Amino acid sequence: MSELAELERLQTQILHRIAKLELSILPSNNSPNKDLPTTTEARLSALLFDAGVKDFSFKRVPSDYYDWSFEARRDILGAASIHHLCKSIVLVNTQAASNITDCSDRQNSKYYVVVVQYTARFSAENVKNFLYTLNNGKIPKKRFNLRLAPEEISHNLTGFEHNGVTCVGMKTDIPVILDEAIAKLNPDFFWLGGGEIDLKLGIRTSEFINFAKPFIVNCSGS
């Protein structure tokens, strides 16, 4: 490991410890002083640390970030490639049986969060086929029709706004699907939403998998 890489690693560890300390001294929801909320970065950092995740980083980006090219986004985040830029999208199964209304059954949930690369073309058909197989064919294929959830529903389920959705600290325990192309990235450190529109989270792939326990699925079309 180069001296610069080692310095960055140590700096990240220090920032994480500061974030966790910040969270510990801020008032809880039961505190009489509710005018001092925790920051998103501190809250999510503490959740990751408590789960044993060590290799992650948060970065702020300019407000016009989404007007930039993938190459410019890659550069400001220090990502390894444009393929390491990913997003989390909330899907709703519009054809689920009437008794399937929540996320209590991971194998047959009303909603899923799918993490895909910005450079990939998402395939809802691949996810449909995966869920059909996951349920051993006991549920008709016509009962799986994955569509992008309306923004209001996505916000209510996750607590995050559009372009800020992340799999950490969601209001609802929504099953996560990770595109297998992300799991194969080299180096194995990718970027996704960080809970706010201008906050991005970089995380070691193996640690993300241990944390989110996603289904790893080929959900990108050719």
Protein backbone atom coordinates (compact mmCIF):
# COMPACT_ATOMS: atom_id res chain seq x y z
CA MET A 1 0.00 0.00 0.00
CA SER A 2 1.39 3.44 -0.96
CA GLU A 3 2.00 6.11 1.67
CA LEU A 4 -0.85 8.20 0.21
CA ALA A 5 -3.28 5.29 0.32
CA GLU A 6 -2.29 4.51 3.91
CA LEU A 7 -2.75 8.17 4.86
CA GLU A 8 -6.21 8.23 3.26
CA ARG A 9 -7.13 5.04 5.11
CA LEU A 10 -6.08 6.49 8.45
CA GLN A 11 -7.88 9.75 7.72
CA THR A 12 -11.08 7.85 6.88
CA GLN A 13 -10.86 5.91 10.15
CA ILE A 14 -10.47 9.14 12.11
CA LEU A 15 -13.47 10.72 10.35
CA HIS A 16 -15.56 7.64 11.10
CA ARG A 17 -14.65 7.82 14.78
CA ILE A 18 -15.54 11.51 14.88
CA ALA A 19 -18.90 10.78 13.23
CA LYS A 20 -19.65 8.04 15.73
CA LEU A 21 -18.66 10.30 18.63
CA GLU A 22 -20.90 13.03 17.24
CA LEU A 23 -23.82 10.67 17.13
CA SER A 24 -23.21 9.49 20.69
CA ILE A 25 -23.31 12.99 22.16
CA LEU A 26 -26.26 14.34 20.19
CA PRO A 27 -29.71 14.06 21.80
CA SER A 28 -31.74 10.94 21.16
CA ASN A 29 -35.35 11.05 19.94
CA ASN A 30 -36.40 10.80 23.58
CA SER A 31 -34.37 13.83 24.58
CA PRO A 32 -36.30 16.99 25.50
CA ASN A 33 -34.05 18.95 23.11
CA LYS A 34 -35.22 17.83 19.69
CA ASP A 35 -33.95 20.89 17.85
CA LEU A 36 -30.51 19.35 17.31
CA PRO A 37 -30.94 16.37 14.96
CA THR A 38 -28.11 14.06 14.03
CA THR A 39 -26.57 14.54 10.60
CA THR A 40 -27.24 11.92 7.95
CA GLU A 41 -23.56 11.12 7.61
CA ALA A 42 -23.11 10.64 11.36
CA ARG A 43 -26.21 8.46 11.65
CA LEU A 44 -25.33 6.22 8.72
CA SER A 45 -21.65 6.02 9.74
CA ALA A 46 -22.68 4.82 13.20
CA LEU A 47 -24.99 2.20 11.71
CA LEU A 48 -22.20 0.89 9.48
CA PHE A 49 -19.67 0.87 12.29
CA ASP A 50 -22.05 -0.95 14.62
CA ALA A 51 -22.50 -3.58 11.92
CA GLY A 52 -18.75 -4.09 11.64
CA VAL A 53 -18.26 -2.21 8.37
CA LYS A 54 -14.88 -0.47 8.32
CA ASP A 55 -14.00 0.36 4.74
CA PHE A 56 -16.39 3.11 3.65
CA SER A 57 -16.32 6.80 2.93
CA PHE A 58 -18.78 9.66 2.50
CA LYS A 59 -18.22 12.53 0.07
CA ARG A 60 -20.20 15.69 -0.65
CA VAL A 61 -20.75 16.62 -4.28
CA PRO A 62 -21.85 19.90 -5.91
CA SER A 63 -25.56 20.58 -6.39
CA ASP A 64 -25.25 20.21 -10.18
CA TYR A 65 -23.53 16.82 -9.86
CA TYR A 66 -26.23 15.05 -11.88
CA ASP A 67 -25.66 17.39 -14.80
CA TRP A 68 -22.07 16.19 -15.03
CA SER A 69 -20.71 13.44 -17.26
CA PHE A 70 -20.00 10.05 -15.73
CA GLU A 71 -16.29 10.77 -16.17
CA ALA A 72 -16.56 14.01 -14.15
CA ARG A 73 -18.52 12.22 -11.42
CA ARG A 74 -15.90 9.48 -11.32
CA ASP A 75 -13.13 12.05 -10.91
CA ILE A 76 -14.73 14.04 -8.08
CA LEU A 77 -15.44 10.85 -6.12
CA GLY A 78 -12.11 9.27 -6.91
CA ALA A 79 -13.93 6.19 -8.21
CA ALA A 80 -11.92 3.56 -10.05
CA SER A 81 -14.09 3.83 -13.18
CA ILE A 82 -17.48 5.08 -14.37
CA HIS A 83 -18.73 1.51 -13.84
CA HIS A 84 -18.12 1.93 -10.11
CA LEU A 85 -20.85 4.61 -9.98
CA CYS A 86 -24.07 2.98 -8.82
CA LYS A 87 -27.57 3.87 -7.69
CA SER A 88 -30.30 2.35 -5.53
CA ILE A 89 -33.81 2.21 -6.95
CA VAL A 90 -37.01 1.09 -5.21
CA LEU A 91 -39.16 -1.32 -7.19
CA VAL A 92 -42.76 -2.31 -6.55
CA ASN A 93 -44.28 -5.60 -7.62
CA THR A 94 -47.49 -4.31 -9.19
CA GLN A 95 -48.89 -7.81 -9.71
CA ALA A 96 -48.28 -9.21 -6.24
CA ALA A 97 -51.18 -11.05 -4.66
CA SER A 98 -53.52 -8.86 -2.60
CA ASN A 99 -52.15 -10.28 0.66
CA ILE A 100 -48.58 -9.22 -0.24
CA THR A 101 -48.48 -5.63 0.97
CA ASP A 102 -45.12 -5.24 2.72
CA CYS A 103 -41.54 -6.53 2.89
CA SER A 104 -41.95 -9.23 5.52
CA ASP A 105 -41.23 -12.03 3.04
CA ARG A 106 -37.84 -11.51 1.39
CA GLN A 107 -38.62 -14.09 -1.25
CA ASN A 108 -41.94 -12.56 -2.22
CA SER A 109 -41.85 -8.93 -1.17
CA LYS A 110 -44.06 -6.11 -2.38
CA TYR A 111 -40.96 -3.92 -2.67
CA TYR A 112 -37.27 -4.40 -3.45
CA VAL A 113 -34.28 -2.06 -3.53
CA VAL A 114 -32.06 -2.81 -6.51
CA VAL A 115 -28.48 -1.53 -6.71
CA VAL A 116 -27.27 -1.17 -10.30
CA GLN A 117 -24.55 0.66 -12.18
CA TYR A 118 -25.39 3.92 -13.89
CA THR A 119 -23.73 2.54 -17.00
CA ALA A 120 -25.90 -0.60 -17.05
CA ARG A 121 -29.35 -1.10 -18.51
CA PHE A 122 -31.60 -2.48 -15.81
CA SER A 123 -33.61 -5.57 -16.75
CA ALA A 124 -36.85 -5.99 -14.82
CA GLU A 125 -37.37 -9.24 -16.72
CA ASN A 126 -34.21 -10.72 -15.21
CA VAL A 127 -35.42 -9.84 -11.71
CA LYS A 128 -38.83 -11.32 -12.48
CA ASN A 129 -37.22 -14.59 -13.59
CA PHE A 130 -34.99 -14.64 -10.51
CA LEU A 131 -37.94 -14.20 -8.12
CA TYR A 132 -39.91 -16.87 -9.94
CA THR A 133 -37.00 -19.30 -9.54
CA LEU A 134 -36.39 -18.19 -5.95
CA ASN A 135 -39.94 -19.27 -5.11
CA ASN A 136 -39.39 -22.64 -6.84
CA GLY A 137 -42.03 -21.86 -9.42
CA LYS A 138 -44.79 -22.04 -6.80
CA ILE A 139 -45.92 -18.50 -7.61
CA PRO A 140 -47.06 -17.86 -11.21
CA LYS A 141 -44.77 -15.65 -13.25
CA LYS A 142 -47.66 -13.32 -13.90
CA ARG A 143 -47.52 -12.43 -10.19
CA PHE A 144 -44.15 -10.73 -10.69
CA ASN A 145 -44.11 -7.38 -12.45
CA LEU A 146 -41.36 -5.11 -11.13
CA ARG A 147 -41.72 -1.41 -11.82
CA LEU A 148 -40.08 1.73 -10.47
CA ALA A 149 -41.96 2.79 -7.35
CA PRO A 150 -43.41 6.33 -7.38
CA GLU A 151 -41.13 8.83 -5.65
CA GLU A 152 -43.59 9.39 -2.81
CA ILE A 153 -43.71 5.66 -2.03
CA SER A 154 -39.92 5.37 -2.31
CA HIS A 155 -39.50 8.27 0.12
CA ASN A 156 -42.04 6.87 2.59
CA LEU A 157 -40.35 3.46 2.58
CA THR A 158 -36.73 4.58 2.72
CA GLY A 159 -36.86 8.03 4.28
CA PHE A 160 -34.60 9.27 1.48
CA GLU A 161 -35.23 11.57 -1.46
CA HIS A 162 -34.70 10.78 -5.14
CA ASN A 163 -30.95 10.50 -5.92
CA GLY A 164 -30.27 10.15 -2.20
CA VAL A 165 -31.63 6.63 -1.71
CA THR A 166 -29.23 4.23 -0.04
CA CYS A 167 -29.48 0.77 1.52
CA VAL A 168 -28.20 2.00 4.89
CA GLY A 169 -30.61 3.27 7.52
CA MET A 170 -33.83 2.85 5.55
CA LYS A 171 -37.09 3.38 7.44
CA THR A 172 -38.30 0.00 6.16
CA ASP A 173 -36.30 -3.22 6.01
CA ILE A 174 -36.62 -3.65 2.25
CA PRO A 175 -34.91 -6.67 0.68
CA VAL A 176 -31.90 -5.63 -1.41
CA ILE A 177 -30.91 -6.96 -4.82
CA LEU A 178 -27.34 -6.27 -5.95
CA ASP A 179 -26.50 -6.56 -9.63
CA GLU A 180 -23.86 -9.25 -9.95
CA ALA A 181 -21.84 -6.97 -12.25
CA ILE A 182 -21.13 -4.80 -9.19
CA ALA A 183 -19.99 -7.82 -7.20
CA LYS A 184 -17.46 -8.52 -9.98
CA LEU A 185 -15.97 -5.01 -10.09
CA ASN A 186 -12.23 -4.66 -9.69
CA PRO A 187 -11.23 -2.95 -7.49
CA ASP A 188 -14.09 -4.01 -5.23
CA PHE A 189 -15.11 -0.59 -3.91
CA PHE A 190 -18.13 1.16 -5.40
CA TRP A 191 -20.16 4.35 -4.90
CA LEU A 192 -23.89 4.81 -4.36
CA GLY A 193 -26.30 7.29 -2.80
CA GLY A 194 -25.50 8.39 0.73
CA GLY A 195 -28.89 9.40 2.15
CA GLU A 196 -28.93 12.95 0.76
CA ILE A 197 -28.94 14.20 -2.83
CA ASP A 198 -25.42 15.65 -2.56
CA LEU A 199 -23.97 12.95 -0.30
CA LYS A 200 -22.37 9.83 -1.76
CA LEU A 201 -21.26 6.65 -0.03
CA GLY A 202 -18.30 4.59 -1.15
CA ILE A 203 -18.02 1.10 0.32
CA ARG A 204 -16.02 -2.09 0.00
CA THR A 205 -18.19 -4.57 -1.94
CA SER A 206 -17.64 -7.50 0.40
CA GLU A 207 -18.56 -5.36 3.41
CA PHE A 208 -21.67 -4.05 1.67
CA ILE A 209 -22.73 -7.64 0.99
CA ASN A 210 -22.18 -8.62 4.62
CA PHE A 211 -24.16 -5.58 5.76
CA ALA A 212 -27.11 -5.54 3.33
CA LYS A 213 -27.26 -9.31 2.74
CA PRO A 214 -28.54 -8.76 -0.78
CA PHE A 215 -29.66 -11.24 -3.36
CA ILE A 216 -26.93 -11.11 -6.01
CA VAL A 217 -28.65 -11.22 -9.37
CA ASN A 218 -27.78 -10.65 -13.01
CA CYS A 219 -30.20 -7.77 -13.47
CA SER A 220 -28.51 -5.85 -16.26
CA GLY A 221 -29.59 -6.26 -19.86
CA SER A 222 -27.07 -6.56 -22.61
